[in-house]
C-alpha atoms as a PDB file:
ATOM      1  CA  MET A   1       0.088  -0.015  -0.072  1.00  0.00           C
ATOM      2  CA  ALA A   2       2.848   2.544   0.805  1.00  0.00           C
ATOM      3  CA  ILE A   3       4.419   1.881  -2.641  1.00  0.00           C
ATOM      4  CA  ARG A   4       1.149   2.209  -4.400  1.00  0.00           C
ATOM      5  CA  ASN A   5       0.102   5.545  -2.361  1.00  0.00           C
ATOM      6  CA  ARG A   6       3.433   7.205  -2.045  1.00  0.00           C
ATOM      7  CA  ARG A   7       5.128   6.243  -5.307  1.00  0.00           C
ATOM      8  CA  PRO A   8       8.676   6.533  -3.856  1.00  0.00           C
ATOM      9  CA  ALA A   9      11.521   7.192  -6.336  1.00  0.00           C
ATOM     10  CA  PRO A  10      13.812   4.292  -7.238  1.00  0.00           C
ATOM     11  CA  GLY A  11      17.045   3.995  -5.087  1.00  0.00           C
ATOM     12  CA  GLY A  12      15.279   4.382  -1.820  1.00  0.00           C
ATOM     13  CA  ILE A  13      16.007   2.028   1.100  1.00  0.00           C
ATOM     14  CA  VAL A  14      13.199   0.237   3.022  1.00  0.00           C
ATOM     15  CA  HIS A  15      14.469  -0.554   6.533  1.00  0.00           C
ATOM     16  CA  ALA A  16      12.805  -3.461   8.409  1.00  0.00           C
ATOM     17  CA  ASP A  17      13.443  -5.736  11.316  1.00  0.00           C
ATOM     18  CA  HIS A  18      13.838  -9.426  10.840  1.00  0.00           C
ATOM     19  CA  GLY A  19      10.248 -10.400  11.202  1.00  0.00           C
ATOM     20  CA  VAL A  20       8.930 -13.067   8.804  1.00  0.00           C
ATOM     21  CA  GLN A  21       6.654 -10.603   7.016  1.00  0.00           C
ATOM     22  CA  PHE A  22       9.714  -8.493   6.178  1.00  0.00           C
ATOM     23  CA  THR A  23      12.077 -11.261   5.272  1.00  0.00           C
ATOM     24  CA  SER A  24       9.689 -13.081   2.938  1.00  0.00           C
ATOM     25  CA  TRP A  25      10.443 -13.506  -0.703  1.00  0.00           C
ATOM     26  CA  ALA A  26       7.186 -11.855  -1.654  1.00  0.00           C
ATOM     27  CA  PHE A  27       8.025  -8.721   0.360  1.00  0.00           C
ATOM     28  CA  GLY A  28      11.618  -8.660  -0.997  1.00  0.00           C
ATOM     29  CA  ASP A  29      10.509  -9.072  -4.598  1.00  0.00           C
ATOM     30  CA  LYS A  30       7.900  -6.313  -4.178  1.00  0.00           C
ATOM     31  CA  ILE A  31      10.346  -3.860  -2.829  1.00  0.00           C
ATOM     32  CA  ARG A  32      12.923  -4.627  -5.586  1.00  0.00           C
ATOM     33  CA  ALA A  33      10.246  -4.395  -8.309  1.00  0.00           C
ATOM     34  CA  ALA A  34       9.511  -0.902  -7.088  1.00  0.00           C
ATOM     35  CA  GLY A  35      13.259  -0.019  -7.497  1.00  0.00           C
ATOM     36  CA  LEU A  36      13.916   0.053  -3.798  1.00  0.00           C
ATOM     37  CA  MET A  37      16.521  -1.681  -1.621  1.00  0.00           C
ATOM     38  CA  PRO A  38      15.568  -3.773   1.344  1.00  0.00           C
ATOM     39  CA  SER A  39      17.719  -3.172   4.402  1.00  0.00           C
ATOM     40  CA  PHE A  40      17.828  -5.206   7.729  1.00  0.00           C
ATOM     41  CA  GLY A  41      19.475  -4.278  10.985  1.00  0.00           C
ATOM     42  CA  SER A  42      21.495  -6.750  12.865  1.00  0.00           C
ATOM     43  CA  VAL A  43      19.652  -9.340  15.176  1.00  0.00           C
ATOM     44  CA  GLY A  44      19.106  -8.149  18.603  1.00  0.00           C
ATOM     45  CA  ASP A  45      20.093  -4.558  18.089  1.00  0.00           C
ATOM     46  CA  GLY A  46      17.427  -2.307  19.441  1.00  0.00           C
ATOM     47  CA  LEU A  47      18.949   0.864  18.397  1.00  0.00           C
ATOM     48  CA  ASP A  48      18.617   0.425  14.645  1.00  0.00           C
ATOM     49  CA  ASN A  49      14.678   0.067  15.107  1.00  0.00           C
ATOM     50  CA  ALA A  50      14.227   2.875  17.625  1.00  0.00           C
ATOM     51  CA  MET A  51      11.965   5.022  15.566  1.00  0.00           C
ATOM     52  CA  MET A  52       9.558   2.020  15.006  1.00  0.00           C
ATOM     53  CA  GLU A  53       9.651   1.062  18.520  1.00  0.00           C
ATOM     54  CA  SER A  54       8.611   4.649  19.395  1.00  0.00           C
ATOM     55  CA  PHE A  55       5.693   4.517  17.110  1.00  0.00           C
ATOM     56  CA  TRP A  56       4.447   1.126  18.548  1.00  0.00           C
ATOM     57  CA  SER A  57       4.799   2.662  21.989  1.00  0.00           C
ATOM     58  CA  SER A  58       2.786   5.840  20.868  1.00  0.00           C
ATOM     59  CA  MET A  59       0.067   3.631  19.222  1.00  0.00           C
ATOM     60  CA  GLN A  60      -0.150   1.484  22.343  1.00  0.00           C
ATOM     61  CA  ILE A  61      -0.672   4.461  24.551  1.00  0.00           C
ATOM     62  CA  GLU A  62      -2.864   6.565  22.289  1.00  0.00           C
ATOM     63  CA  LEU A  63      -5.054   3.907  20.865  1.00  0.00           C
ATOM     64  CA  LEU A  64      -4.801   0.201  22.011  1.00  0.00           C
ATOM     65  CA  ASN A  65      -4.896   0.969  25.753  1.00  0.00           C
ATOM     66  CA  ARG A  66      -7.958   3.073  25.552  1.00  0.00           C
ATOM     67  CA  LYS A  67     -10.722   0.643  24.327  1.00  0.00           C
ATOM     68  CA  LYS A  68     -11.578  -3.006  23.624  1.00  0.00           C
ATOM     69  CA  TRP A  69     -12.611  -3.926  20.206  1.00  0.00           C
ATOM     70  CA  LYS A  70     -15.492  -6.589  19.582  1.00  0.00           C
ATOM     71  CA  THR A  71     -13.884  -7.987  16.351  1.00  0.00           C
ATOM     72  CA  ARG A  72     -10.634  -8.145  14.594  1.00  0.00           C
ATOM     73  CA  VAL A  73     -12.091  -6.210  11.650  1.00  0.00           C
ATOM     74  CA  GLU A  74     -12.981  -3.385  14.220  1.00  0.00           C
ATOM     75  CA  LEU A  75      -9.531  -3.440  15.602  1.00  0.00           C
ATOM     76  CA  ALA A  76      -7.974  -3.492  11.924  1.00  0.00           C
ATOM     77  CA  ASN A  77     -10.153  -0.370  11.031  1.00  0.00           C
ATOM     78  CA  ALA A  78      -9.145   1.497  14.083  1.00  0.00           C
ATOM     79  CA  ILE A  79      -5.449   0.959  13.543  1.00  0.00           C
ATOM     80  CA  PHE A  80      -5.677   1.997   9.963  1.00  0.00           C
ATOM     81  CA  GLU A  81      -7.443   5.192  10.980  1.00  0.00           C
ATOM     82  CA  TYR A  82      -4.978   5.755  13.767  1.00  0.00           C
ATOM     83  CA  ILE A  83      -2.072   5.517  11.418  1.00  0.00           C
ATOM     84  CA  GLU A  84      -3.349   6.932   8.089  1.00  0.00           C
ATOM     85  CA  ILE A  85      -5.567   9.843   9.467  1.00  0.00           C
ATOM     86  CA  PHE A  86      -4.340  10.640  13.020  1.00  0.00           C
ATOM     87  CA  TYR A  87      -0.727   9.756  13.059  1.00  0.00           C
ATOM     88  CA  ASN A  88       0.351  10.850   9.622  1.00  0.00           C
ATOM     89  CA  ARG A  89      -2.212  13.878   9.131  1.00  0.00           C
ATOM     90  CA  GLN A  90      -3.073  15.270  12.473  1.00  0.00           C
ATOM     91  CA  ARG A  91      -0.641  14.256  15.232  1.00  0.00           C
ATOM     92  CA  ARG A  92       2.246  16.783  15.674  1.00  0.00           C
ATOM     93  CA  HIS A  93       5.659  15.243  16.058  1.00  0.00           C
ATOM     94  CA  SER A  94       8.402  16.757  18.062  1.00  0.00           C
ATOM     95  CA  SER A  95      11.362  15.466  15.873  1.00  0.00           C
ATOM     96  CA  ILE A  96      10.046  17.588  12.970  1.00  0.00           C
ATOM     97  CA  GLY A  97       9.338  20.704  14.749  1.00  0.00           C
ATOM     98  CA  TYR A  98       5.866  20.030  15.988  1.00  0.00           C
ATOM     99  CA  ARG A  99       4.584  19.563  12.664  1.00  0.00           C
ATOM    100  CA  THR A 100       2.359  16.722  11.158  1.00  0.00           C
ATOM    101  CA  PRO A 101       4.367  14.344   8.877  1.00  0.00           C
ATOM    102  CA  ILE A 102       2.260  15.513   5.867  1.00  0.00           C
ATOM    103  CA  GLU A 103       3.005  19.255   6.618  1.00  0.00           C
ATOM    104  CA  TYR A 104       6.594  18.381   6.949  1.00  0.00           C
ATOM    105  CA  GLU A 105       6.747  16.502   3.801  1.00  0.00           C
ATOM    106  CA  LEU A 106       4.884  19.200   1.922  1.00  0.00           C
ATOM    107  CA  ARG A 107       7.155  21.931   3.260  1.00  0.00           C
ATOM    108  CA  SER A 108      10.234  19.724   2.276  1.00  0.00           C
ATOM    109  CA  GLU A 109       8.967  19.458  -1.371  1.00  0.00           C
ATOM    110  CA  THR A 110       8.599  23.212  -1.732  1.00  0.00           C
ATOM    111  CA  THR A 111      11.699  24.199   0.114  1.00  0.00           C
ATOM    112  CA  THR A 112      14.669  25.022  -2.097  1.00  0.00           C
ATOM    113  CA  VAL A 113      18.295  24.843  -0.832  1.00  0.00           C
ATOM    114  CA  THR A 114      20.768  27.461  -2.191  1.00  0.00           C
ATOM    115  CA  ALA A 115      24.203  26.555  -2.792  1.00  0.00           C
END
């Protein structure tokens, strides 16, 4: 979904952990077909995955610990809404100047750097 929605330029790097979903042949083929390069950190190294661990912690506190869902579909929809609508479009992030990721990305695309 990320490749289809974001259309990243070839040459980018997709960093993931050693989970089975990321080490599968299908995932690797999809990444390479998009012109991207898969990258994996070393086993047992928590530092190379710190940003993702921070995300999971935020989602646990802001979404998962606040409600019980009746079905897996209801939970899956809540997670999708949290990530795609709240986390990426509304939640402000301190690491990018208290902007939303979308605001930061749009500003980065229009900002020119002078030599």
